[in-house]
Amino acid sequence: MPHSNQLAWVAVDWGTSHVRVWLMDAAGEVIRQTRSDKGMGALETADYEPTLLEMLGDDLSGPVPVIICGMAGSRQGWAEAPYSTVPCKAPSLEDATKVETQDARLQVYILPGIKQMSPADVMRGEETQIRGFLAENPKFDGILCLPGTHTKWVHISAEEVVSFRTFMTGEMFALLGEHSVLRHSVATDGWDETAYLTAIDDAMSRPASMAAELFSLRAEGLLNDMSAETARARLSGLLIGAELAAARPYWLGQEVVVLGAAGIAQAYHTGLQAQGAFVRTVPADELTLAGLRSACSKLESI
């Protein structure tokens, strides 16, 4: 359906380092998309409204609903949107926090994240991706893996988030590869699939030796000329292997969907497949917008 070019509502994904804004028409089609590096980490509370107004520009005329997910709802963000508690459905507009604005043309709603009391865990932003996935796959019952700096394993049943677990594997990879002694041995790109899969097996079978295996990456480069690309793949395999071992109760015997298409998502897919998991991958680029669209469908009820 062609869009009308008349602004009906605004979808916003406000992350820590970036913000994405979609101007939407009444049919849910994108009129214009814009992006900025003015994420939560670069803003004070008073900066959010001017930043949003600048990104909307001359397209903003009359009052328009703005539906936001992500870190704008954190304690350090625009306004704190209290977490929903598992088990729960992915939050919708009925759960949103209404934000008072100086400009009357903005009607701002911030979606909450999700919390788990024990073991303690939180997410902000990923719940909207989950909502987008479930909008397209309402009968799904299984595990969602959301790879990234902080990878999430999420148990979905009856359209609810039952439980989830977060692993700092991506952040650990960056810290070790960029700020430890391994920075001299690990490439910034390149890959060795065999080394990656071998490292996953090593980490899953001998997790107690992780610290020693990590230093061996340095020693192998010095003594046996192991390439920096192989070291990078092995570092990733050791860390992801340890994660897969810990997350086994989530993926073993379950259908797993990795939300992503390339890069780190492909690494998780390959690792899970090598362990015999029933896994498939779904592109994640449009899931956040799909989740915001789904939340917007409740606009008339608030």
C-alpha atoms as a PDB file:
ATOM      1  CA  MET A   1       0.000   0.000   0.000  1.00  0.00           C
ATOM      2  CA  PRO A   2       1.517   3.379  -0.978  1.00  0.00           C
ATOM      3  CA  HIS A   3       1.983   5.776   1.902  1.00  0.00           C
ATOM      4  CA  SER A   4       0.137   9.071   2.162  1.00  0.00           C
ATOM      5  CA  ASN A   5       3.138  11.271   3.057  1.00  0.00           C
ATOM      6  CA  GLN A   6       1.048  12.626   5.936  1.00  0.00           C
ATOM      7  CA  LEU A   7       2.692  12.127   9.314  1.00  0.00           C
ATOM      8  CA  ALA A   8       0.489  10.064  11.659  1.00  0.00           C
ATOM      9  CA  TRP A   9       2.960   8.919  14.315  1.00  0.00           C
ATOM     10  CA  VAL A  10       6.673   8.580  15.015  1.00  0.00           C
ATOM     11  CA  ALA A  11       8.623   5.427  15.927  1.00  0.00           C
ATOM     12  CA  VAL A  12      11.901   5.832  17.832  1.00  0.00           C
ATOM     13  CA  ASP A  13      14.596   3.366  18.858  1.00  0.00           C
ATOM     14  CA  TRP A  14      16.777   5.277  21.354  1.00  0.00           C
ATOM     15  CA  GLY A  15      19.922   3.301  22.112  1.00  0.00           C
ATOM     16  CA  THR A  16      22.993   4.046  24.166  1.00  0.00           C
ATOM     17  CA  SER A  17      25.102   5.301  21.259  1.00  0.00           C
ATOM     18  CA  HIS A  18      22.586   5.996  18.472  1.00  0.00           C
ATOM     19  CA  VAL A  19      18.966   6.916  17.892  1.00  0.00           C
ATOM     20  CA  ARG A  20      16.804   5.887  14.943  1.00  0.00           C
ATOM     21  CA  VAL A  21      13.609   7.730  14.037  1.00  0.00           C
ATOM     22  CA  TRP A  22      10.943   6.611  11.565  1.00  0.00           C
ATOM     23  CA  LEU A  23       8.213   9.035  10.481  1.00  0.00           C
ATOM     24  CA  MET A  24       5.121   6.924   9.817  1.00  0.00           C
ATOM     25  CA  ASP A  25       1.858   7.420   7.959  1.00  0.00           C
ATOM     26  CA  ALA A  26      -1.549   6.126   9.048  1.00  0.00           C
ATOM     27  CA  ALA A  27      -1.058   2.875   7.109  1.00  0.00           C
ATOM     28  CA  GLY A  28       2.119   2.110   9.032  1.00  0.00           C
ATOM     29  CA  GLU A  29       4.416   2.873   6.108  1.00  0.00           C
ATOM     30  CA  VAL A  30       7.674   4.767   6.496  1.00  0.00           C
ATOM     31  CA  ILE A  31       7.611   8.323   5.168  1.00  0.00           C
ATOM     32  CA  ARG A  32      11.171   9.141   6.170  1.00  0.00           C
ATOM     33  CA  GLN A  33      13.876   7.582   8.320  1.00  0.00           C
ATOM     34  CA  THR A  34      16.693   9.428  10.058  1.00  0.00           C
ATOM     35  CA  ARG A  35      19.529   8.445  12.389  1.00  0.00           C
ATOM     36  CA  SER A  36      21.787  10.288  14.823  1.00  0.00           C
ATOM     37  CA  ASP A  37      24.716   9.521  17.121  1.00  0.00           C
ATOM     38  CA  LYS A  38      22.938  11.363  19.957  1.00  0.00           C
ATOM     39  CA  GLY A  39      22.232   8.230  21.946  1.00  0.00           C
ATOM     40  CA  MET A  40      21.505   8.090  25.659  1.00  0.00           C
ATOM     41  CA  GLY A  41      25.213   8.177  26.498  1.00  0.00           C
ATOM     42  CA  ALA A  42      25.621  11.614  24.900  1.00  0.00           C
ATOM     43  CA  LEU A  43      22.544  13.325  26.376  1.00  0.00           C
ATOM     44  CA  GLU A  44      21.273  14.913  29.558  1.00  0.00           C
ATOM     45  CA  THR A  45      17.565  14.668  30.376  1.00  0.00           C
ATOM     46  CA  ALA A  46      16.866  18.145  29.022  1.00  0.00           C
ATOM     47  CA  ASP A  47      18.490  17.274  25.675  1.00  0.00           C
ATOM     48  CA  TYR A  48      16.007  14.624  24.540  1.00  0.00           C
ATOM     49  CA  GLU A  49      13.151  16.850  23.428  1.00  0.00           C
ATOM     50  CA  PRO A  50      15.362  19.271  21.423  1.00  0.00           C
ATOM     51  CA  THR A  51      17.141  16.320  19.813  1.00  0.00           C
ATOM     52  CA  LEU A  52      13.844  14.746  18.762  1.00  0.00           C
ATOM     53  CA  LEU A  53      12.502  18.058  17.438  1.00  0.00           C
ATOM     54  CA  GLU A  54      15.667  18.562  15.405  1.00  0.00           C
ATOM     55  CA  MET A  55      15.342  15.096  13.863  1.00  0.00           C
ATOM     56  CA  LEU A  56      11.663  15.604  13.008  1.00  0.00           C
ATOM     57  CA  GLY A  57      12.312  19.007  11.462  1.00  0.00           C
ATOM     58  CA  ASP A  58       9.630  20.597   9.317  1.00  0.00           C
ATOM     59  CA  ASP A  59       7.669  17.325   9.093  1.00  0.00           C
ATOM     60  CA  LEU A  60       6.204  17.999  12.543  1.00  0.00           C
ATOM     61  CA  SER A  61       3.044  20.116  12.412  1.00  0.00           C
ATOM     62  CA  GLY A  62       0.061  19.145  14.556  1.00  0.00           C
ATOM     63  CA  PRO A  63       0.102  16.919  17.661  1.00  0.00           C
ATOM     64  CA  VAL A  64       1.638  13.529  16.875  1.00  0.00           C
ATOM     65  CA  PRO A  65       2.168  10.402  19.013  1.00  0.00           C
ATOM     66  CA  VAL A  66       5.818   9.408  19.464  1.00  0.00           C
ATOM     67  CA  ILE A  67       6.442   5.802  20.570  1.00  0.00           C
ATOM     68  CA  ILE A  68       9.947   5.181  21.924  1.00  0.00           C
ATOM     69  CA  CYS A  69      11.761   2.030  22.944  1.00  0.00           C
ATOM     70  CA  GLY A  70      15.235   1.551  24.350  1.00  0.00           C
ATOM     71  CA  MET A  71      17.494   3.470  26.680  1.00  0.00           C
ATOM     72  CA  ALA A  72      15.436   6.684  26.680  1.00  0.00           C
ATOM     73  CA  GLY A  73      13.395   4.835  29.311  1.00  0.00           C
ATOM     74  CA  SER A  74      16.367   4.044  31.542  1.00  0.00           C
ATOM     75  CA  ARG A  75      17.115   5.758  34.834  1.00  0.00           C
ATOM     76  CA  GLN A  76      19.731   7.871  33.017  1.00  0.00           C
ATOM     77  CA  GLY A  77      17.425   8.558  30.051  1.00  0.00           C
ATOM     78  CA  TRP A  78      14.579  10.924  29.227  1.00  0.00           C
ATOM     79  CA  ALA A  79      12.152   9.490  31.784  1.00  0.00           C
ATOM     80  CA  GLU A  80      12.344   6.191  33.614  1.00  0.00           C
ATOM     81  CA  ALA A  81       9.851   3.643  32.277  1.00  0.00           C
ATOM     82  CA  PRO A  82       9.493   0.960  34.989  1.00  0.00           C
ATOM     83  CA  TYR A  83      10.225  -2.605  33.923  1.00  0.00           C
ATOM     84  CA  SER A  84       7.548  -5.218  33.306  1.00  0.00           C
ATOM     85  CA  THR A  85       8.250  -8.428  35.227  1.00  0.00           C
ATOM     86  CA  VAL A  86       8.476 -11.895  33.704  1.00  0.00           C
ATOM     87  CA  PRO A  87       6.448 -13.847  32.901  1.00  0.00           C
ATOM     88  CA  CYS A  88       4.842 -11.179  30.728  1.00  0.00           C
ATOM     89  CA  LYS A  89       3.964 -10.293  27.188  1.00  0.00           C
ATOM     90  CA  ALA A  90       6.378  -8.029  25.355  1.00  0.00           C
ATOM     91  CA  PRO A  91       5.318  -4.559  26.581  1.00  0.00           C
ATOM     92  CA  SER A  92       2.796  -2.580  24.558  1.00  0.00           C
ATOM     93  CA  LEU A  93       1.523   0.966  24.627  1.00  0.00           C
ATOM     94  CA  GLU A  94      -0.776   0.274  27.592  1.00  0.00           C
ATOM     95  CA  ASP A  95       2.396  -0.278  29.633  1.00  0.00           C
ATOM     96  CA  ALA A  96       4.153   2.865  28.399  1.00  0.00           C
ATOM     97  CA  THR A  97       5.204   5.898  30.420  1.00  0.00           C
ATOM     98  CA  LYS A  98       3.739   9.195  29.181  1.00  0.00           C
ATOM     99  CA  VAL A  99       6.345  11.966  29.119  1.00  0.00           C
ATOM    100  CA  GLU A 100       5.409  15.612  29.585  1.00  0.00           C
ATOM    101  CA  THR A 101       6.915  17.822  26.875  1.00  0.00           C
ATOM    102  CA  GLN A 102       7.316  21.552  26.420  1.00  0.00           C
ATOM    103  CA  ASP A 103       6.269  21.367  22.776  1.00  0.00           C
ATOM    104  CA  ALA A 104       2.558  20.511  22.647  1.00  0.00           C
ATOM    105  CA  ARG A 105       2.974  18.880  19.242  1.00  0.00           C
ATOM    106  CA  LEU A 106       4.765  15.927  20.845  1.00  0.00           C
ATOM    107  CA  GLN A 107       2.809  13.164  22.600  1.00  0.00           C
ATOM    108  CA  VAL A 108       5.649  10.984  23.873  1.00  0.00           C
ATOM    109  CA  TYR A 109       5.254   7.418  25.164  1.00  0.00           C
ATOM    110  CA  ILE A 110       8.241   5.343  26.310  1.00  0.00           C
ATOM    111  CA  LEU A 111       7.854   1.572  26.342  1.00  0.00           C
ATOM    112  CA  PRO A 112       9.198  -0.262  29.397  1.00  0.00           C
ATOM    113  CA  GLY A 113      11.895  -2.888  29.408  1.00  0.00           C
ATOM    114  CA  ILE A 114      11.553  -6.287  31.078  1.00  0.00           C
ATOM    115  CA  LYS A 115      13.056  -7.477  34.359  1.00  0.00           C
ATOM    116  CA  GLN A 116      13.612 -10.845  35.969  1.00  0.00           C
ATOM    117  CA  MET A 117      14.009 -10.935  39.736  1.00  0.00           C
ATOM    118  CA  SER A 118      15.891 -14.237  40.068  1.00  0.00           C
ATOM    119  CA  PRO A 119      18.390 -14.652  38.626  1.00  0.00           C
ATOM    120  CA  ALA A 120      18.447 -10.858  38.386  1.00  0.00           C
ATOM    121  CA  ASP A 121      18.371  -9.649  34.780  1.00  0.00           C
ATOM    122  CA  VAL A 122      17.040  -6.773  32.684  1.00  0.00           C
ATOM    123  CA  MET A 123      16.535  -5.804  29.065  1.00  0.00           C
ATOM    124  CA  ARG A 124      15.659  -2.525  27.326  1.00  0.00           C
ATOM    125  CA  GLY A 125      15.082  -2.424  23.592  1.00  0.00           C
ATOM    126  CA  GLU A 126      15.288  -6.157  22.950  1.00  0.00           C
ATOM    127  CA  GLU A 127      11.694  -6.595  24.190  1.00  0.00           C
ATOM    128  CA  THR A 128      10.528  -4.521  21.216  1.00  0.00           C
ATOM    129  CA  GLN A 129      12.449  -6.756  18.814  1.00  0.00           C
ATOM    130  CA  ILE A 130      10.767  -9.704  20.520  1.00  0.00           C
ATOM    131  CA  ARG A 131       7.371  -8.075  20.060  1.00  0.00           C
ATOM    132  CA  GLY A 132       8.178  -7.534  16.379  1.00  0.00           C
ATOM    133  CA  PHE A 133       9.139 -11.195  15.954  1.00  0.00           C
ATOM    134  CA  LEU A 134       6.001 -12.415  17.733  1.00  0.00           C
ATOM    135  CA  ALA A 135       3.795 -10.101  15.659  1.00  0.00           C
ATOM    136  CA  GLU A 136       4.975 -12.084  12.646  1.00  0.00           C
ATOM    137  CA  ASN A 137       5.232 -15.466  14.440  1.00  0.00           C
ATOM    138  CA  PRO A 138       2.423 -15.498  17.050  1.00  0.00           C
ATOM    139  CA  LYS A 139       2.484 -19.292  17.510  1.00  0.00           C
ATOM    140  CA  PHE A 140       6.211 -19.498  18.227  1.00  0.00           C
ATOM    141  CA  ASP A 141       7.147 -21.549  21.281  1.00  0.00           C
ATOM    142  CA  GLY A 142      10.865 -21.865  21.902  1.00  0.00           C
ATOM    143  CA  ILE A 143      14.026 -19.840  22.419  1.00  0.00           C
ATOM    144  CA  LEU A 144      15.085 -16.539  20.911  1.00  0.00           C
ATOM    145  CA  CYS A 145      18.802 -15.739  20.838  1.00  0.00           C
ATOM    146  CA  LEU A 146      19.546 -12.044  20.392  1.00  0.00           C
ATOM    147  CA  PRO A 147      23.319 -11.760  19.788  1.00  0.00           C
ATOM    148  CA  GLY A 148      25.186  -8.567  20.516  1.00  0.00           C
ATOM    149  CA  THR A 149      27.380  -6.853  23.056  1.00  0.00           C
ATOM    150  CA  HIS A 150      25.104  -8.358  25.707  1.00  0.00           C
ATOM    151  CA  THR A 151      23.512 -11.454  24.194  1.00  0.00           C
ATOM    152  CA  LYS A 152      20.042 -12.448  25.387  1.00  0.00           C
ATOM    153  CA  TRP A 153      18.590 -15.960  25.577  1.00  0.00           C
ATOM    154  CA  VAL A 154      14.817 -15.671  25.878  1.00  0.00           C
ATOM    155  CA  HIS A 155      12.262 -18.420  26.552  1.00  0.00           C
ATOM    156  CA  ILE A 156       8.985 -17.694  24.759  1.00  0.00           C
ATOM    157  CA  SER A 157       5.748 -19.593  25.421  1.00  0.00           C
ATOM    158  CA  ALA A 158       2.114 -18.642  24.822  1.00  0.00           C
ATOM    159  CA  GLU A 159       3.282 -15.257  23.440  1.00  0.00           C
ATOM    160  CA  GLU A 160       4.963 -14.433  26.757  1.00  0.00           C
ATOM    161  CA  VAL A 161       8.559 -13.915  27.838  1.00  0.00           C
ATOM    162  CA  VAL A 162       8.842 -16.679  30.429  1.00  0.00           C
ATOM    163  CA  SER A 163      12.475 -16.149  31.419  1.00  0.00           C
ATOM    164  CA  PHE A 164      15.734 -14.820  29.971  1.00  0.00           C
ATOM    165  CA  ARG A 165      19.460 -14.689  30.601  1.00  0.00           C
ATOM    166  CA  THR A 166      22.031 -12.102  29.492  1.00  0.00           C
ATOM    167  CA  PHE A 167      25.674 -12.891  28.676  1.00  0.00           C
ATOM    168  CA  MET A 168      28.346 -10.171  28.351  1.00  0.00           C
ATOM    169  CA  THR A 169      30.207 -12.248  25.768  1.00  0.00           C
ATOM    170  CA  GLY A 170      30.399  -9.540  23.108  1.00  0.00           C
ATOM    171  CA  GLU A 171      31.733  -6.986  25.571  1.00  0.00           C
ATOM    172  CA  MET A 172      34.290  -9.485  26.888  1.00  0.00           C
ATOM    173  CA  PHE A 173      35.447 -10.171  23.317  1.00  0.00           C
ATOM    174  CA  ALA A 174      35.973  -6.453  22.735  1.00  0.00           C
ATOM    175  CA  LEU A 175      37.752  -5.915  26.055  1.00  0.00           C
ATOM    176  CA  LEU A 176      40.105  -8.864  25.579  1.00  0.00           C
ATOM    177  CA  GLY A 177      40.768  -8.162  21.917  1.00  0.00           C
ATOM    178  CA  GLU A 178      41.339  -4.428  22.328  1.00  0.00           C
ATOM    179  CA  HIS A 179      42.554  -3.819  25.880  1.00  0.00           C
ATOM    180  CA  SER A 180      44.369  -6.949  27.083  1.00  0.00           C
ATOM    181  CA  VAL A 181      47.696  -8.528  26.131  1.00  0.00           C
ATOM    182  CA  LEU A 182      45.750 -10.358  23.408  1.00  0.00           C
ATOM    183  CA  ARG A 183      45.446  -7.120  21.438  1.00  0.00           C
ATOM    184  CA  HIS A 184      48.888  -7.890  20.003  1.00  0.00           C
ATOM    185  CA  SER A 185      47.725 -11.289  18.747  1.00  0.00           C
ATOM    186  CA  VAL A 186      44.105 -10.891  17.611  1.00  0.00           C
ATOM    187  CA  ALA A 187      43.113  -9.439  14.235  1.00  0.00           C
ATOM    188  CA  THR A 188      40.294  -6.921  13.876  1.00  0.00           C
ATOM    189  CA  ASP A 189      38.802  -8.920  11.001  1.00  0.00           C
ATOM    190  CA  GLY A 190      39.294 -12.186   9.141  1.00  0.00           C
ATOM    191  CA  TRP A 191      38.091 -15.607  10.214  1.00  0.00           C
ATOM    192  CA  ASP A 192      39.062 -19.269  10.583  1.00  0.00           C
ATOM    193  CA  GLU A 193      35.927 -21.424  10.800  1.00  0.00           C
ATOM    194  CA  THR A 194      37.750 -24.586  11.839  1.00  0.00           C
ATOM    195  CA  ALA A 195      39.556 -22.813  14.672  1.00  0.00           C
ATOM    196  CA  TYR A 196      36.270 -21.253  15.794  1.00  0.00           C
ATOM    197  CA  LEU A 197      34.401 -24.566  16.007  1.00  0.00           C
ATOM    198  CA  THR A 198      37.328 -26.323  17.690  1.00  0.00           C
ATOM    199  CA  ALA A 199      37.469 -23.576  20.311  1.00  0.00           C
ATOM    200  CA  ILE A 200      33.744 -23.940  21.004  1.00  0.00           C
ATOM    201  CA  ASP A 201      34.229 -27.659  21.653  1.00  0.00           C
ATOM    202  CA  ASP A 202      37.235 -26.950  23.875  1.00  0.00           C
ATOM    203  CA  ALA A 203      35.347 -24.387  25.964  1.00  0.00           C
ATOM    204  CA  MET A 204      32.284 -26.574  26.354  1.00  0.00           C
ATOM    205  CA  SER A 205      34.281 -29.648  27.374  1.00  0.00           C
ATOM    206  CA  ARG A 206      36.878 -27.902  29.581  1.00  0.00           C
ATOM    207  CA  PRO A 207      35.382 -24.626  30.844  1.00  0.00           C
ATOM    208  CA  ALA A 208      37.682 -24.557  33.889  1.00  0.00           C
ATOM    209  CA  SER A 209      40.705 -24.042  31.627  1.00  0.00           C
ATOM    210  CA  MET A 210      39.294 -20.895  29.993  1.00  0.00           C
ATOM    211  CA  ALA A 211      41.856 -18.460  31.451  1.00  0.00           C
ATOM    212  CA  ALA A 212      44.763 -20.659  30.371  1.00  0.00           C
ATOM    213  CA  GLU A 213      43.307 -21.187  26.886  1.00  0.00           C
ATOM    214  CA  LEU A 214      43.000 -17.433  26.470  1.00  0.00           C
ATOM    215  CA  PHE A 215      46.668 -16.808  27.269  1.00  0.00           C
ATOM    216  CA  SER A 216      47.625 -19.605  24.871  1.00  0.00           C
ATOM    217  CA  LEU A 217      46.383 -17.383  22.048  1.00  0.00           C
ATOM    218  CA  ARG A 218      49.272 -15.042  22.842  1.00  0.00           C
ATOM    219  CA  ALA A 219      51.792 -17.875  23.218  1.00  0.00           C
ATOM    220  CA  GLU A 220      50.684 -19.649  20.026  1.00  0.00           C
ATOM    221  CA  GLY A 221      51.283 -16.472  18.061  1.00  0.00           C
ATOM    222  CA  LEU A 222      54.749 -15.982  19.521  1.00  0.00           C
ATOM    223  CA  LEU A 223      55.951 -19.596  19.356  1.00  0.00           C
ATOM    224  CA  ASN A 224      53.985 -21.318  16.613  1.00  0.00           C
ATOM    225  CA  ASP A 225      53.121 -18.434  14.250  1.00  0.00           C
ATOM    226  CA  MET A 226      49.373 -18.767  14.727  1.00  0.00           C
ATOM    227  CA  SER A 227      47.798 -16.110  12.520  1.00  0.00           C
ATOM    228  CA  ALA A 228      45.943 -13.153  14.001  1.00  0.00           C
ATOM    229  CA  GLU A 229      42.827 -14.213  12.073  1.00  0.00           C
ATOM    230  CA  THR A 230      42.932 -17.690  13.616  1.00  0.00           C
ATOM    231  CA  ALA A 231      43.476 -16.141  17.056  1.00  0.00           C
ATOM    232  CA  ARG A 232      40.414 -13.930  16.546  1.00  0.00           C
ATOM    233  CA  ALA A 233      38.252 -16.894  15.586  1.00  0.00           C
ATOM    234  CA  ARG A 234      39.554 -18.948  18.484  1.00  0.00           C
ATOM    235  CA  LEU A 235      38.944 -16.132  20.981  1.00  0.00           C
ATOM    236  CA  SER A 236      35.355 -15.864  19.740  1.00  0.00           C
ATOM    237  CA  GLY A 237      34.912 -19.635  19.926  1.00  0.00           C
ATOM    238  CA  LEU A 238      36.226 -19.874  23.488  1.00  0.00           C
ATOM    239  CA  LEU A 239      33.891 -17.142  24.713  1.00  0.00           C
ATOM    240  CA  ILE A 240      30.815 -18.270  22.787  1.00  0.00           C
ATOM    241  CA  GLY A 241      31.529 -21.889  23.723  1.00  0.00           C
ATOM    242  CA  ALA A 242      31.509 -20.962  27.417  1.00  0.00           C
ATOM    243  CA  GLU A 243      28.234 -19.137  26.856  1.00  0.00           C
ATOM    244  CA  LEU A 244      26.664 -22.077  25.033  1.00  0.00           C
ATOM    245  CA  ALA A 245      27.684 -24.361  27.889  1.00  0.00           C
ATOM    246  CA  ALA A 246      26.017 -22.082  30.441  1.00  0.00           C
ATOM    247  CA  ALA A 247      22.941 -21.506  28.248  1.00  0.00           C
ATOM    248  CA  ARG A 248      22.458 -25.228  27.501  1.00  0.00           C
ATOM    249  CA  PRO A 249      19.225 -25.390  29.559  1.00  0.00           C
ATOM    250  CA  TYR A 250      17.770 -22.826  27.138  1.00  0.00           C
ATOM    251  CA  TRP A 251      18.725 -24.328  23.778  1.00  0.00           C
ATOM    252  CA  LEU A 252      19.014 -28.074  24.382  1.00  0.00           C
ATOM    253  CA  GLY A 253      16.015 -29.825  22.836  1.00  0.00           C
ATOM    254  CA  GLN A 254      14.344 -26.521  21.931  1.00  0.00           C
ATOM    255  CA  GLU A 255      13.706 -24.682  18.695  1.00  0.00           C
ATOM    256  CA  VAL A 256      16.139 -21.761  18.650  1.00  0.00           C
ATOM    257  CA  VAL A 257      15.749 -18.682  16.467  1.00  0.00           C
ATOM    258  CA  VAL A 258      18.764 -16.396  16.183  1.00  0.00           C
ATOM    259  CA  LEU A 259      17.663 -12.835  15.467  1.00  0.00           C
ATOM    260  CA  GLY A 260      20.223 -11.567  12.989  1.00  0.00           C
ATOM    261  CA  ALA A 261      21.594 -12.259   9.531  1.00  0.00           C
ATOM    262  CA  ALA A 262      25.368 -11.944   9.463  1.00  0.00           C
ATOM    263  CA  GLY A 263      28.469 -11.373  11.569  1.00  0.00           C
ATOM    264  CA  ILE A 264      27.934 -12.287  15.201  1.00  0.00           C
ATOM    265  CA  ALA A 265      24.493 -13.778  14.502  1.00  0.00           C
ATOM    266  CA  GLN A 266      26.030 -16.163  11.965  1.00  0.00           C
ATOM    267  CA  ALA A 267      28.676 -17.148  14.508  1.00  0.00           C
ATOM    268  CA  TYR A 268      25.985 -18.131  17.010  1.00  0.00           C
ATOM    269  CA  HIS A 269      24.028 -19.998  14.339  1.00  0.00           C
ATOM    270  CA  THR A 270      27.116 -21.965  13.290  1.00  0.00           C
ATOM    271  CA  GLY A 271      28.088 -22.745  16.872  1.00  0.00           C
ATOM    272  CA  LEU A 272      24.606 -23.953  17.797  1.00  0.00           C
ATOM    273  CA  GLN A 273      24.300 -26.010  14.623  1.00  0.00           C
ATOM    274  CA  ALA A 274      27.627 -27.721  15.371  1.00  0.00           C
ATOM    275  CA  GLN A 275      26.212 -28.749  18.760  1.00  0.00           C
ATOM    276  CA  GLY A 276      23.202 -30.376  17.124  1.00  0.00           C
ATOM    277  CA  ALA A 277      20.720 -27.661  18.079  1.00  0.00           C
ATOM    278  CA  PHE A 278      17.568 -27.112  16.014  1.00  0.00           C
ATOM    279  CA  VAL A 279      18.360 -23.553  14.932  1.00  0.00           C
ATOM    280  CA  ARG A 280      17.289 -21.092  12.287  1.00  0.00           C
ATOM    281  CA  THR A 281      18.116 -17.440  11.692  1.00  0.00           C
ATOM    282  CA  VAL A 282      15.728 -14.550  11.074  1.00  0.00           C
ATOM    283  CA  PRO A 283      16.966 -11.145   9.816  1.00  0.00           C
ATOM    284  CA  ALA A 284      16.625  -8.609  12.631  1.00  0.00           C
ATOM    285  CA  ASP A 285      16.960  -5.313  10.749  1.00  0.00           C
ATOM    286  CA  GLU A 286      13.229  -4.591  10.669  1.00  0.00           C
ATOM    287  CA  LEU A 287      12.139  -6.259  13.922  1.00  0.00           C
ATOM    288  CA  THR A 288      12.394  -3.163  16.113  1.00  0.00           C
ATOM    289  CA  LEU A 289      10.200  -1.179  13.742  1.00  0.00           C
ATOM    290  CA  ALA A 290       7.805  -4.140  13.521  1.00  0.00           C
ATOM    291  CA  GLY A 291       7.597  -4.145  17.313  1.00  0.00           C
ATOM    292  CA  LEU A 292       6.919  -0.412  17.425  1.00  0.00           C
ATOM    293  CA  ARG A 293       4.247  -0.840  14.737  1.00  0.00           C
ATOM    294  CA  SER A 294       2.638  -3.561  16.846  1.00  0.00           C
ATOM    295  CA  ALA A 295       2.710  -1.312  19.909  1.00  0.00           C
ATOM    296  CA  CYS A 296       1.164   1.515  17.892  1.00  0.00           C
ATOM    297  CA  SER A 297      -1.832  -0.695  17.093  1.00  0.00           C
ATOM    298  CA  LYS A 298      -2.907  -0.087  20.723  1.00  0.00           C
ATOM    299  CA  LEU A 299      -2.816   3.709  20.318  1.00  0.00           C
ATOM    300  CA  GLU A 300      -6.577   4.159  20.411  1.00  0.00           C
ATOM    301  CA  SER A 301      -6.863   2.283  23.715  1.00  0.00           C
ATOM    302  CA  ILE A 302      -4.867   4.777  25.796  1.00  0.00           C
END
